[in-house]
Protein backbone atom coordinates (compact mmCIF):
# COMPACT_ATOMS: atom_id res chain seq x y z
CA MET A 1 -1.10 1.76 1.08
CA VAL A 2 -0.34 4.55 3.62
CA THR A 3 1.54 7.84 3.35
CA THR A 4 2.94 9.48 6.47
CA THR A 5 2.08 13.12 6.98
CA SER A 6 4.48 15.95 6.43
CA SER A 7 5.86 18.01 9.26
CA GLU A 8 5.32 21.76 9.16
CA GLN A 9 6.88 22.77 5.81
CA GLY A 10 9.20 19.79 6.13
CA LYS A 11 11.52 21.71 8.49
CA ASP A 12 11.23 19.84 11.75
CA ARG A 13 14.86 18.93 12.33
CA ASN A 14 13.83 16.19 14.77
CA ALA A 15 11.50 14.43 12.35
CA ILE A 16 12.25 10.94 11.05
CA TYR A 17 12.69 11.02 7.29
CA PHE A 18 13.42 8.10 4.98
CA PRO A 19 14.79 9.46 1.69
CA GLY A 20 13.75 8.01 -1.63
CA LEU A 21 10.43 6.57 -0.54
CA ASN A 22 8.27 9.27 -2.12
CA ALA A 23 9.30 8.20 -5.62
CA LEU A 24 8.77 4.53 -4.76
CA ARG A 25 5.27 5.29 -3.48
CA TYR A 26 4.37 7.08 -6.66
CA PHE A 27 5.79 4.46 -9.04
CA ALA A 28 3.88 1.73 -7.20
CA ALA A 29 0.64 3.73 -7.41
CA ALA A 30 1.21 4.48 -11.10
CA ALA A 31 1.84 0.78 -11.77
CA VAL A 32 -1.50 -0.11 -10.20
CA VAL A 33 -3.21 2.49 -12.41
CA VAL A 34 -1.63 0.90 -15.52
CA CYS A 35 -2.96 -2.49 -14.46
CA HIS A 36 -6.46 -1.21 -13.76
CA VAL A 37 -6.69 0.69 -17.04
CA GLU A 38 -6.33 -2.63 -18.82
CA GLU A 39 -8.72 -4.29 -16.36
CA MET A 40 -11.40 -1.63 -17.00
CA LYS A 41 -10.96 -2.07 -20.75
CA GLY A 42 -11.36 -5.82 -20.34
CA ILE A 43 -14.49 -5.79 -18.18
CA SER A 44 -15.95 -3.16 -20.53
CA LEU A 45 -15.43 -5.70 -23.33
CA TYR A 46 -12.72 -3.81 -25.22
CA THR A 47 -9.36 -5.02 -26.50
CA ASN A 48 -6.97 -5.16 -23.57
CA TRP A 49 -3.67 -6.44 -22.21
CA TYR A 50 -4.89 -7.14 -18.68
CA ALA A 51 -3.47 -10.66 -18.59
CA THR A 52 -0.05 -9.22 -19.44
CA VAL A 53 0.01 -6.46 -16.80
CA TYR A 54 -1.97 -8.20 -14.04
CA GLY A 55 1.20 -9.27 -12.24
CA LEU A 56 2.48 -5.68 -12.27
CA GLY A 57 -0.55 -4.44 -10.36
CA THR A 58 -0.71 -7.18 -7.77
CA LEU A 59 3.02 -6.91 -7.01
CA ALA A 60 2.75 -3.13 -6.70
CA VAL A 61 0.10 -3.61 -4.02
CA THR A 62 2.34 -6.12 -2.24
CA PHE A 63 5.09 -3.48 -2.38
CA PHE A 64 2.71 -1.00 -0.72
CA PHE A 65 1.99 -3.50 2.04
CA VAL A 66 5.70 -4.00 2.76
CA LEU A 67 6.39 -0.27 2.75
CA SER A 68 3.44 0.42 5.03
CA GLY A 69 4.47 -2.31 7.48
CA PHE A 70 8.04 -0.98 7.50
CA LEU A 71 7.08 2.63 8.24
CA ILE A 72 4.37 1.92 10.81
CA THR A 73 6.57 -0.57 12.70
CA TYR A 74 9.56 1.75 12.74
CA LEU A 75 7.48 4.59 14.19
CA LEU A 76 6.01 2.28 16.82
CA LEU A 77 9.49 1.15 17.83
CA VAL A 78 10.69 4.74 18.19
CA GLU A 79 7.59 5.65 20.18
CA LYS A 80 8.13 2.74 22.55
CA GLU A 81 11.79 3.70 23.01
CA LYS A 82 10.94 7.35 23.53
CA ILE A 83 8.09 7.15 26.07
CA ASN A 84 8.36 3.48 27.14
CA THR A 85 4.91 2.66 25.84
CA VAL A 86 2.66 2.91 22.79
CA ARG A 87 -0.35 5.19 23.06
CA ILE A 88 -2.91 2.92 21.46
CA LYS A 89 -5.73 5.46 21.44
CA ASN A 90 -3.59 8.04 19.68
CA PHE A 91 -2.44 5.42 17.17
CA TYR A 92 -5.99 4.57 16.15
CA ILE A 93 -7.05 8.21 15.96
CA ARG A 94 -4.11 8.95 13.66
CA ARG A 95 -4.93 6.01 11.42
CA ALA A 96 -8.61 6.98 11.28
CA LEU A 97 -7.84 10.59 10.38
CA ARG A 98 -5.50 9.48 7.61
CA ILE A 99 -7.50 6.64 6.11
CA TRP A 100 -11.19 6.92 6.90
CA PRO A 101 -12.26 10.16 5.13
CA LEU A 102 -11.07 9.03 1.70
CA TYR A 103 -11.96 5.38 2.25
CA TYR A 104 -15.58 6.14 3.07
CA LEU A 105 -15.85 8.73 0.29
CA ILE A 106 -14.68 6.28 -2.39
CA GLY A 107 -16.77 3.51 -0.84
CA ALA A 108 -19.88 5.69 -0.90
CA LEU A 109 -19.25 6.72 -4.50
CA GLY A 110 -18.70 3.14 -5.60
CA LEU A 111 -21.69 1.72 -3.73
CA LEU A 112 -24.28 4.48 -3.66
CA VAL A 113 -23.59 6.98 -6.44
CA ILE A 114 -21.80 5.57 -9.49
CA PRO A 115 -24.16 2.56 -9.93
CA HIS A 116 -26.85 5.14 -10.74
CA ILE A 117 -24.74 6.95 -13.38
CA SER A 118 -25.35 5.10 -16.63
CA SER A 119 -22.36 6.57 -18.49
CA LEU A 120 -20.00 5.08 -15.91
CA ALA A 121 -21.76 1.72 -15.70
CA ILE A 122 -19.73 -1.42 -16.42
CA PRO A 123 -21.52 -4.23 -18.25
CA GLU A 124 -22.54 -7.16 -16.05
CA PHE A 125 -20.99 -5.81 -12.85
CA SER A 126 -22.70 -2.49 -12.08
CA ALA A 127 -26.18 -4.01 -12.18
CA LYS A 128 -25.24 -6.44 -9.38
CA VAL A 129 -24.17 -3.79 -6.88
CA ILE A 130 -27.61 -2.53 -5.81
CA PRO A 131 -29.25 -5.96 -5.19
CA ALA A 132 -26.27 -6.88 -2.98
CA TYR A 133 -26.50 -3.67 -0.91
CA PRO A 134 -27.00 -5.31 2.53
CA THR A 135 -23.87 -7.45 2.24
CA ASN A 136 -21.74 -4.91 0.38
CA ILE A 137 -22.52 -1.97 2.64
CA ALA A 138 -21.92 -4.02 5.79
CA LEU A 139 -18.59 -5.45 4.61
CA TYR A 140 -17.26 -2.15 3.26
CA ALA A 141 -18.41 -0.18 6.31
CA LEU A 142 -16.58 -2.62 8.59
CA PHE A 143 -13.36 -2.50 6.54
CA LEU A 144 -13.85 -6.01 5.19
CA PRO A 145 -13.81 -5.43 1.40
CA ASN A 146 -11.23 -8.22 1.02
CA ILE A 147 -13.91 -10.60 2.27
CA ALA A 148 -16.41 -9.05 -0.15
CA ALA A 149 -13.95 -9.72 -2.98
CA GLY A 150 -13.43 -13.30 -1.82
CA LEU A 151 -17.18 -13.84 -1.77
CA LYS A 152 -17.34 -12.42 -5.33
CA TYR A 153 -19.18 -9.23 -4.42
CA TYR A 154 -17.45 -7.05 -7.00
CA VAL A 155 -18.08 -3.31 -6.66
CA PRO A 156 -16.81 -1.33 -9.66
CA TYR A 157 -14.90 1.84 -8.71
CA ALA A 158 -14.47 0.61 -5.11
CA SER A 159 -13.08 -2.92 -5.45
CA HIS A 160 -9.51 -1.72 -4.84
CA LEU A 161 -10.45 -0.79 -1.27
CA TRP A 162 -9.72 -4.40 -0.34
CA SER A 163 -6.08 -3.45 0.30
CA VAL A 164 -7.06 -0.60 2.62
CA GLY A 165 -9.29 -3.02 4.50
CA VAL A 166 -6.34 -5.39 4.97
CA GLU A 167 -4.26 -2.57 6.42
CA GLU A 168 -7.03 -1.69 8.87
CA GLN A 169 -7.23 -5.32 9.96
CA PHE A 170 -3.44 -5.30 10.45
CA TYR A 171 -3.73 -2.24 12.68
CA LEU A 172 -6.23 -4.00 14.95
CA PHE A 173 -3.48 -6.03 16.61
CA TRP A 174 -0.12 -4.62 15.46
CA PRO A 175 0.40 -1.74 17.96
CA TRP A 176 -0.49 -4.02 20.89
CA ILE A 177 2.55 -6.17 20.10
CA PHE A 178 4.89 -3.24 20.66
CA LYS A 179 3.06 -2.00 23.71
CA TYR A 180 3.26 -5.26 25.66
CA VAL A 181 5.91 -7.51 24.11
CA LYS A 182 9.50 -6.91 25.18
CA LYS A 183 10.99 -8.85 22.27
CA PRO A 184 8.65 -8.28 19.32
CA LEU A 185 10.72 -9.94 16.57
CA PRO A 186 9.63 -13.54 17.36
CA VAL A 187 6.00 -12.40 17.35
CA ILE A 188 6.45 -10.60 14.02
CA ILE A 189 7.98 -13.72 12.48
CA SER A 190 5.16 -15.83 13.96
CA VAL A 191 2.61 -13.63 12.18
CA ILE A 192 4.36 -14.24 8.85
CA VAL A 193 4.50 -17.98 9.43
CA ALA A 194 0.86 -18.15 10.58
CA PHE A 195 -0.54 -16.48 7.46
CA VAL A 196 1.64 -18.55 5.13
CA LEU A 197 0.52 -21.74 6.90
CA MET A 198 -3.13 -20.76 6.59
CA ARG A 199 -2.75 -20.47 2.83
CA VAL A 200 -0.82 -23.74 2.64
CA CYS A 201 -3.50 -25.56 4.65
CA CYS A 202 -6.24 -24.11 2.49
CA SER A 203 -4.41 -25.25 -0.66
CA TYR A 204 -4.07 -28.72 0.80
CA ALA A 205 -7.79 -28.80 1.59
CA LEU A 206 -8.61 -27.68 -1.96
CA ALA A 207 -6.58 -30.56 -3.35
CA HIS A 208 -8.03 -33.21 -1.02
CA TRP A 209 -11.60 -32.08 -0.39
CA PRO A 210 -13.21 -31.73 -3.85
CA GLU A 211 -16.76 -31.64 -2.53
CA ARG A 212 -15.97 -28.30 -0.84
CA GLN A 213 -14.32 -26.62 -3.83
CA VAL A 214 -16.64 -23.61 -3.92
CA GLU A 215 -16.32 -22.70 -0.24
CA LEU A 216 -12.59 -23.43 -0.10
CA SER A 217 -11.92 -21.41 -3.25
CA MET A 218 -13.60 -18.40 -1.68
CA LEU A 219 -11.64 -18.91 1.53
CA TYR A 220 -8.39 -19.15 -0.39
CA LYS A 221 -9.21 -15.97 -2.29
CA ILE A 222 -9.77 -14.15 1.01
CA LEU A 223 -6.50 -15.50 2.45
CA ASP A 224 -4.64 -14.59 -0.72
CA LEU A 225 -5.88 -11.01 -0.50
CA THR A 226 -5.25 -10.72 3.25
CA ARG A 227 -1.52 -10.16 2.92
CA ILE A 228 -0.85 -9.29 6.52
CA ASP A 229 2.28 -11.43 6.27
CA CYS A 230 3.61 -8.96 3.68
CA MET A 231 3.08 -6.09 6.11
CA ALA A 232 4.78 -8.13 8.83
CA VAL A 233 7.77 -8.63 6.51
CA GLY A 234 8.03 -4.83 6.46
CA GLY A 235 7.97 -5.01 10.25
CA VAL A 236 10.99 -7.32 10.25
CA GLY A 237 12.92 -4.77 8.21
CA ALA A 238 11.92 -1.93 10.52
CA TYR A 239 13.15 -3.90 13.52
CA MET A 240 16.49 -4.61 11.83
CA VAL A 241 16.99 -0.97 10.88
CA PHE A 242 15.95 0.28 14.30
CA ARG A 243 18.28 -2.08 16.16
CA ASP A 244 21.07 -1.41 13.64
CA PHE A 245 22.53 -4.93 13.64
CA SER A 246 26.01 -4.82 12.14
CA TRP A 247 25.54 -8.17 10.38
CA PHE A 248 22.32 -6.95 8.77
CA ARG A 249 24.01 -3.80 7.50
CA ALA A 250 26.98 -5.78 6.21
CA TYR A 251 24.99 -8.38 4.29
CA PHE A 252 21.82 -6.59 3.25
CA ILE A 253 22.58 -2.88 2.84
CA ASN A 254 24.97 -2.69 -0.10
CA TYR A 255 24.79 -2.40 -3.86
CA LYS A 256 24.90 -6.19 -4.36
CA ALA A 257 21.89 -6.75 -2.13
CA GLU A 258 20.04 -3.86 -3.78
CA LEU A 259 20.61 -5.24 -7.27
CA ALA A 260 19.70 -8.78 -6.15
CA SER A 261 16.44 -7.49 -4.65
CA LEU A 262 15.47 -6.31 -8.14
CA ILE A 263 16.98 -9.08 -10.24
CA ILE A 264 15.33 -11.93 -8.34
CA PRO A 265 11.74 -10.64 -8.87
CA LEU A 266 12.51 -9.79 -12.51
CA VAL A 267 13.85 -13.31 -13.15
CA LEU A 268 10.83 -14.87 -11.47
CA ILE A 269 8.49 -12.74 -13.58
CA ALA A 270 10.40 -13.27 -16.83
CA THR A 271 10.45 -17.05 -16.34
CA SER A 272 6.78 -17.11 -15.20
CA THR A 273 7.90 -18.93 -12.06
CA LYS A 274 5.01 -19.62 -9.73
CA LEU A 275 5.78 -19.89 -6.02
CA GLY A 276 2.30 -20.86 -4.92
CA ASP A 277 1.34 -20.00 -1.37
CA ILE A 278 4.62 -18.23 -0.59
CA GLN A 279 4.78 -16.12 -3.74
CA HIS A 280 3.87 -12.76 -2.22
CA THR A 281 5.93 -13.49 0.90
CA VAL A 282 9.04 -14.12 -1.20
CA TYR A 283 8.46 -10.97 -3.22
CA SER A 284 7.90 -9.09 0.03
CA PHE A 285 11.38 -9.93 1.31
CA CYS A 286 12.88 -8.77 -2.01
CA PHE A 287 10.90 -5.53 -1.84
CA LEU A 288 11.97 -5.04 1.77
CA ILE A 289 15.68 -5.22 0.92
CA PHE A 290 15.12 -2.81 -1.95
CA ILE A 291 13.22 -0.33 0.27
CA ILE A 292 15.88 -0.43 2.98
CA ASN A 293 18.71 0.10 0.50
CA VAL A 294 16.97 3.03 -1.16
CA SER A 295 16.06 4.72 2.12
CA CYS A 296 18.91 3.73 4.44
CA GLY A 297 21.95 2.93 2.33
CA SER A 298 24.73 5.47 2.01
CA LYS A 299 24.45 5.13 -1.77
CA SER A 300 21.56 3.80 -3.81
CA PHE A 301 21.22 3.44 -7.56
CA PHE A 302 17.50 4.12 -7.34
CA ARG A 303 17.09 6.95 -4.84
CA LEU A 304 15.15 9.86 -6.36
CA GLU A 305 14.70 13.06 -4.39
CA GLY A 306 13.21 16.47 -5.12
CA LYS A 307 10.05 18.55 -4.95
CA VAL A 308 8.31 16.64 -7.73
CA TRP A 309 8.77 13.31 -5.95
CA THR A 310 7.71 14.83 -2.64
CA PHE A 311 4.54 16.09 -4.28
CA LEU A 312 3.76 12.77 -5.96
CA GLY A 313 4.63 10.78 -2.83
CA ASN A 314 2.33 12.87 -0.67
CA ILE A 315 -0.65 12.21 -2.95
CA SER A 316 0.14 8.54 -3.69
CA TYR A 317 -2.60 7.30 -1.34
CA SER A 318 -5.06 9.60 -3.10
CA ILE A 319 -3.84 8.41 -6.52
CA TYR A 320 -4.53 4.85 -5.46
CA MET A 321 -7.99 5.72 -4.18
CA TYR A 322 -9.19 7.79 -7.17
CA GLN A 323 -7.74 5.60 -9.90
CA TYR A 324 -10.93 3.85 -11.00
CA LEU A 325 -12.89 7.10 -11.07
CA ALA A 326 -10.23 8.71 -13.27
CA ILE A 327 -10.13 5.70 -15.59
CA GLY A 328 -13.94 5.67 -15.82
CA ILE A 329 -14.06 9.36 -16.75
CA VAL A 330 -11.41 8.86 -19.46
CA MET A 331 -13.42 5.90 -20.76
CA VAL A 332 -16.48 8.13 -21.07
CA LEU A 333 -14.45 10.76 -22.96
CA PHE A 334 -13.11 8.13 -25.37
CA LYS A 335 -16.63 6.79 -25.97
CA LYS A 336 -17.87 10.25 -26.87
CA ALA A 337 -14.91 10.73 -29.19
CA ASN A 338 -15.56 7.30 -30.73
CA ALA A 339 -11.94 6.39 -30.01
CA LEU A 340 -12.31 2.95 -28.53
CA SER A 341 -10.52 0.96 -31.21
CA PHE A 342 -7.48 1.02 -28.90
CA THR A 343 -4.84 1.04 -31.57
CA MET A 344 -1.41 1.80 -30.12
CA PRO A 345 -1.70 5.64 -30.30
CA TYR A 346 -5.15 5.59 -28.69
CA ASN A 347 -4.03 3.15 -26.03
CA ILE A 348 -1.02 5.29 -25.10
CA ALA A 349 -3.24 8.37 -24.98
CA PHE A 350 -5.74 6.52 -22.75
CA HIS A 351 -3.02 5.57 -20.27
CA LEU A 352 -1.48 9.03 -20.22
CA LEU A 353 -4.81 10.78 -19.72
CA SER A 354 -5.71 8.38 -16.91
CA GLN A 355 -2.42 9.05 -15.14
CA VAL A 356 -2.74 12.83 -15.52
CA LEU A 357 -6.40 12.95 -14.45
CA VAL A 358 -5.83 10.81 -11.36
CA ILE A 359 -2.99 13.12 -10.28
CA ILE A 360 -5.31 16.13 -10.66
CA LEU A 361 -8.10 14.45 -8.68
CA ALA A 362 -5.62 13.28 -6.03
CA GLN A 363 -4.13 16.73 -5.56
CA LEU A 364 -7.55 18.37 -5.24
CA SER A 365 -8.54 15.74 -2.70
CA TYR A 366 -5.29 16.05 -0.76
CA ARG A 367 -5.58 19.83 -0.54
CA PHE A 368 -9.26 20.27 0.18
CA LEU A 369 -10.41 17.01 1.81
CA GLU A 370 -7.42 15.31 3.42
CA THR A 371 -5.26 18.20 4.62
CA PRO A 372 -7.71 19.38 7.33
CA PHE A 373 -7.73 15.88 8.79
CA LEU A 374 -3.94 15.64 8.53
CA LYS A 375 -3.56 18.88 10.48
CA LEU A 376 -5.86 17.51 13.17
CA LYS A 377 -3.84 14.30 13.18
CA LYS A 378 -0.74 16.19 14.36
CA LYS A 379 -2.35 16.69 17.76
CA PHE A 380 -2.12 12.94 18.38
CA MET A 381 1.47 12.43 17.22
CA VAL A 382 4.13 10.97 19.48
CA VAL A 383 6.91 10.40 16.93
CA GLN A 384 7.31 12.91 14.11
CA SER A 385 7.72 11.61 10.59
CA THR A 386 7.83 13.53 7.36
CA THR A 387 7.57 12.89 3.63
CA ASN A 388 9.06 16.30 2.81
CA SER A 389 12.79 16.48 2.13
CA PRO A 390 14.34 18.27 5.11
CA ASP A 391 16.00 21.63 4.58
CA ALA A 392 19.72 22.01 4.01
CA GLY A 393 21.85 21.14 6.99
CA TYR A 394 19.56 18.36 8.26
CA THR A 395 20.89 14.83 8.01
CA PRO A 396 18.06 12.29 7.53
CA LEU A 397 18.08 10.02 10.54
CA ALA A 398 17.38 6.92 8.53
CA ALA A 399 20.29 7.54 6.17
CA ASN A 400 22.74 8.63 8.82
CA ALA A 401 24.69 5.35 8.93
CA LEU A 402 21.80 3.70 10.78
CA SER A 403 22.65 5.17 14.18
CA ASP A 404 21.73 3.12 17.21
CA ALA A 405 18.20 2.92 18.56
CA ALA A 406 18.83 5.03 21.62
CA THR A 407 20.30 7.88 19.56
CA LEU A 408 17.43 7.66 17.12
CA ALA A 409 14.87 7.78 19.88
CA LYS A 410 16.47 10.77 21.56
CA ALA A 411 16.75 12.63 18.26
CA SER A 412 13.16 11.87 17.30
CA ASN A 413 10.21 13.98 18.30
CA ALA A 414 6.46 13.46 18.03
CA THR A 415 4.11 11.56 15.34
CA GLY A 416 3.08 8.20 14.37
CA GLY A 417 2.32 7.07 10.94
């Protein structure tokens, strides 16, 4: 889950802007919060509906992966077209300035601070954090929390960092593809196939190697969390949009494709259809078509624009990062008010307060912690992107009939995601 930075007051007429994505970012983040409210109630031994909403949260994270892969890949393609290379050093500096400050803050709180605050402690789990310090600290410091989760090292208030770790692992090799490979699409598709095959092979081993169930189950959990194939699916979409293939526009950017990209996941969810090792990959392609139609189609049923959505989209990364802290604080307040029966009115109030508090925490963080790093990040930009709606008279490049790559590159100026 990554948000691109805003250009100066959103008025850089040469900036790449994909309309409608701010609202999608926020809704995905809010969906994850809903899921984790119920999870926190469950692991705190209160009545909950976690089993019901679990799928909502995990699919929202998959959506974030696809969106992140789409945006990052598109910016890399424009950078390569513009300057005939990808400045790897600048890419990593930009990613570090965007992700690291908040990642390490939440990791430090979850590992080093909150386990010592009794009011925020979670039965069974919090007590295990401190004895596992050597492993936990090493894995989280090296952006490997997905491996920590697979090995069952659960860290309350920081466990959701697994998805950020996956993105960092994706960044280790992704920009090199566009720097050195002339035709990146086959490589992108190969990445998708490779990660799907790894899960398939692990499933096969689980079914035919019973004496290794424990180790293989942990490995499968790690592979299931490491959804780099979902980010690569976003990369496929970015390549199609950048190259502006007429057949792609004809078949996949229209109201029928947009509706199908929503109906298919809804049918799969409603019928409890399990797709096994390809489940998240299939959903990723549906999400990709939806994202492209919202941001690039001439008309979309689901495109929401405005200052409110810009605000919420800009802080969506922060919402995702602070969600457990907000939920924990609301839990403490409900305990003090002796309101943990979780009848329908109390449950609705719990969810609403969690959503409001996380927005407050996210905005404070964005303004006072993240913004200084985002301003510094601009010094290392090669292709400018923005999450702010451009001023009147500016036609968003991405929605301008998908103009050809050369025109896009010439019209684009400075940043990378």
